[in-house]
């Protein structure tokens, strides 16, 4: 099961990077959130890669626009990682910044 989650997270990571490279911040953010959460759940340190990308997007957008984007993407994120996953994203980013 962990291997399946890892591969799913890895796919989201590649999508996040690809969308970021074409300056599609919304889709990059979405896939980065999914990757970070899923990979963190299996205790792999690789979650930090997408968390770093999300942090970069947050700095580019600013706090208000970032919070709006997170709110806008709520239903799509919840569809994949649930309410607990969605609620954990801000904490995940804080953890990334504090380590």
Protein backbone atom coordinates (compact mmCIF):
# COMPACT_ATOMS: atom_id res chain seq x y z
CA UNK A 1 0.00 0.00 0.00
CA UNK A 2 2.77 2.46 0.91
CA UNK A 3 4.41 1.84 -2.45
CA UNK A 4 1.17 2.72 -4.24
CA UNK A 5 0.86 5.94 -2.22
CA UNK A 6 4.48 6.75 -2.93
CA UNK A 7 4.01 6.31 -6.68
CA UNK A 8 0.82 8.36 -6.61
CA UNK A 9 2.63 11.12 -4.72
CA UNK A 10 5.57 10.96 -7.11
CA UNK A 11 3.20 11.42 -10.04
CA UNK A 12 1.68 14.48 -8.36
CA UNK A 13 5.17 15.82 -7.75
CA UNK A 14 6.08 15.55 -11.43
CA UNK A 15 2.81 17.23 -12.40
CA UNK A 16 3.41 20.04 -9.90
CA UNK A 17 6.86 20.68 -11.38
CA UNK A 18 5.56 20.51 -14.96
CA UNK A 19 2.73 22.96 -14.28
CA UNK A 20 5.13 25.28 -12.48
CA UNK A 21 7.46 25.24 -15.49
CA UNK A 22 4.65 26.54 -17.70
CA UNK A 23 3.66 29.09 -15.04
CA UNK A 24 0.34 27.43 -14.21
CA UNK A 25 0.51 28.17 -10.50
CA UNK A 26 -3.00 26.95 -9.73
CA UNK A 27 -2.39 23.42 -11.01
CA UNK A 28 1.14 23.37 -9.66
CA UNK A 29 -0.19 24.29 -6.23
CA UNK A 30 -2.94 21.66 -6.41
CA UNK A 31 -0.66 18.80 -7.36
CA UNK A 32 2.04 19.94 -4.94
CA UNK A 33 -0.44 19.87 -2.06
CA UNK A 34 -1.53 16.36 -2.94
CA UNK A 35 2.04 15.14 -3.23
CA UNK A 36 3.22 16.72 0.01
CA UNK A 37 0.36 15.32 2.03
CA UNK A 38 0.46 11.81 0.58
CA UNK A 39 4.22 11.44 0.81
CA UNK A 40 4.24 12.81 4.37
CA UNK A 41 1.66 10.19 5.36
CA UNK A 42 4.10 7.39 4.53
CA UNK A 43 6.90 9.13 6.46
CA UNK A 44 9.08 9.88 3.45
CA UNK A 45 11.16 13.04 3.60
CA UNK A 46 10.45 13.65 -0.08
CA UNK A 47 7.30 15.56 0.93
CA UNK A 48 9.62 18.52 1.48
CA UNK A 49 10.25 18.92 -2.27
CA UNK A 50 6.64 19.81 -3.06
CA UNK A 51 6.28 21.73 0.19
CA UNK A 52 9.18 23.87 -1.01
CA UNK A 53 7.45 24.45 -4.33
CA UNK A 54 4.21 25.39 -2.57
CA UNK A 55 6.17 27.83 -0.40
CA UNK A 56 7.65 29.44 -3.51
CA UNK A 57 4.17 29.78 -5.02
CA UNK A 58 2.94 31.32 -1.78
CA UNK A 59 5.73 33.90 -1.87
CA UNK A 60 4.91 34.73 -5.50
CA UNK A 61 1.18 35.12 -4.85
CA UNK A 62 1.28 36.72 -1.42
CA UNK A 63 -0.62 35.54 1.65
CA UNK A 64 -4.07 36.81 0.68
CA UNK A 65 -4.05 35.38 -2.86
CA UNK A 66 -2.55 32.15 -1.57
CA UNK A 67 -5.30 31.75 1.02
CA UNK A 68 -7.88 32.45 -1.68
CA UNK A 69 -6.33 29.81 -3.92
CA UNK A 70 -6.33 27.27 -1.11
CA UNK A 71 -9.98 28.01 -0.44
CA UNK A 72 -10.83 27.85 -4.15
CA UNK A 73 -9.16 24.45 -4.51
CA UNK A 74 -10.80 23.06 -1.36
CA UNK A 75 -13.33 20.73 -3.00
CA UNK A 76 -10.79 19.34 -5.47
CA UNK A 77 -8.23 18.69 -2.74
CA UNK A 78 -10.79 17.12 -0.42
CA UNK A 79 -11.89 14.79 -3.22
CA UNK A 80 -8.43 13.20 -3.18
CA UNK A 81 -7.05 13.52 0.37
CA UNK A 82 -10.14 14.28 2.42
CA UNK A 83 -10.96 17.06 4.85
CA UNK A 84 -8.19 16.03 7.23
CA UNK A 85 -5.64 16.28 4.42
CA UNK A 86 -6.94 19.67 3.36
CA UNK A 87 -6.87 20.98 6.91
CA UNK A 88 -3.31 19.67 7.36
CA UNK A 89 -1.82 21.61 4.43
CA UNK A 90 -1.15 24.88 6.34
CA UNK A 91 0.44 22.90 9.19
CA UNK A 92 2.56 20.98 6.68
CA UNK A 93 3.90 24.23 5.25
CA UNK A 94 4.70 25.54 8.75
CA UNK A 95 6.56 22.34 9.49
CA UNK A 96 8.52 22.74 6.25
CA UNK A 97 9.51 26.31 7.14
CA UNK A 98 10.50 25.40 10.69
CA UNK A 99 12.89 22.60 9.70
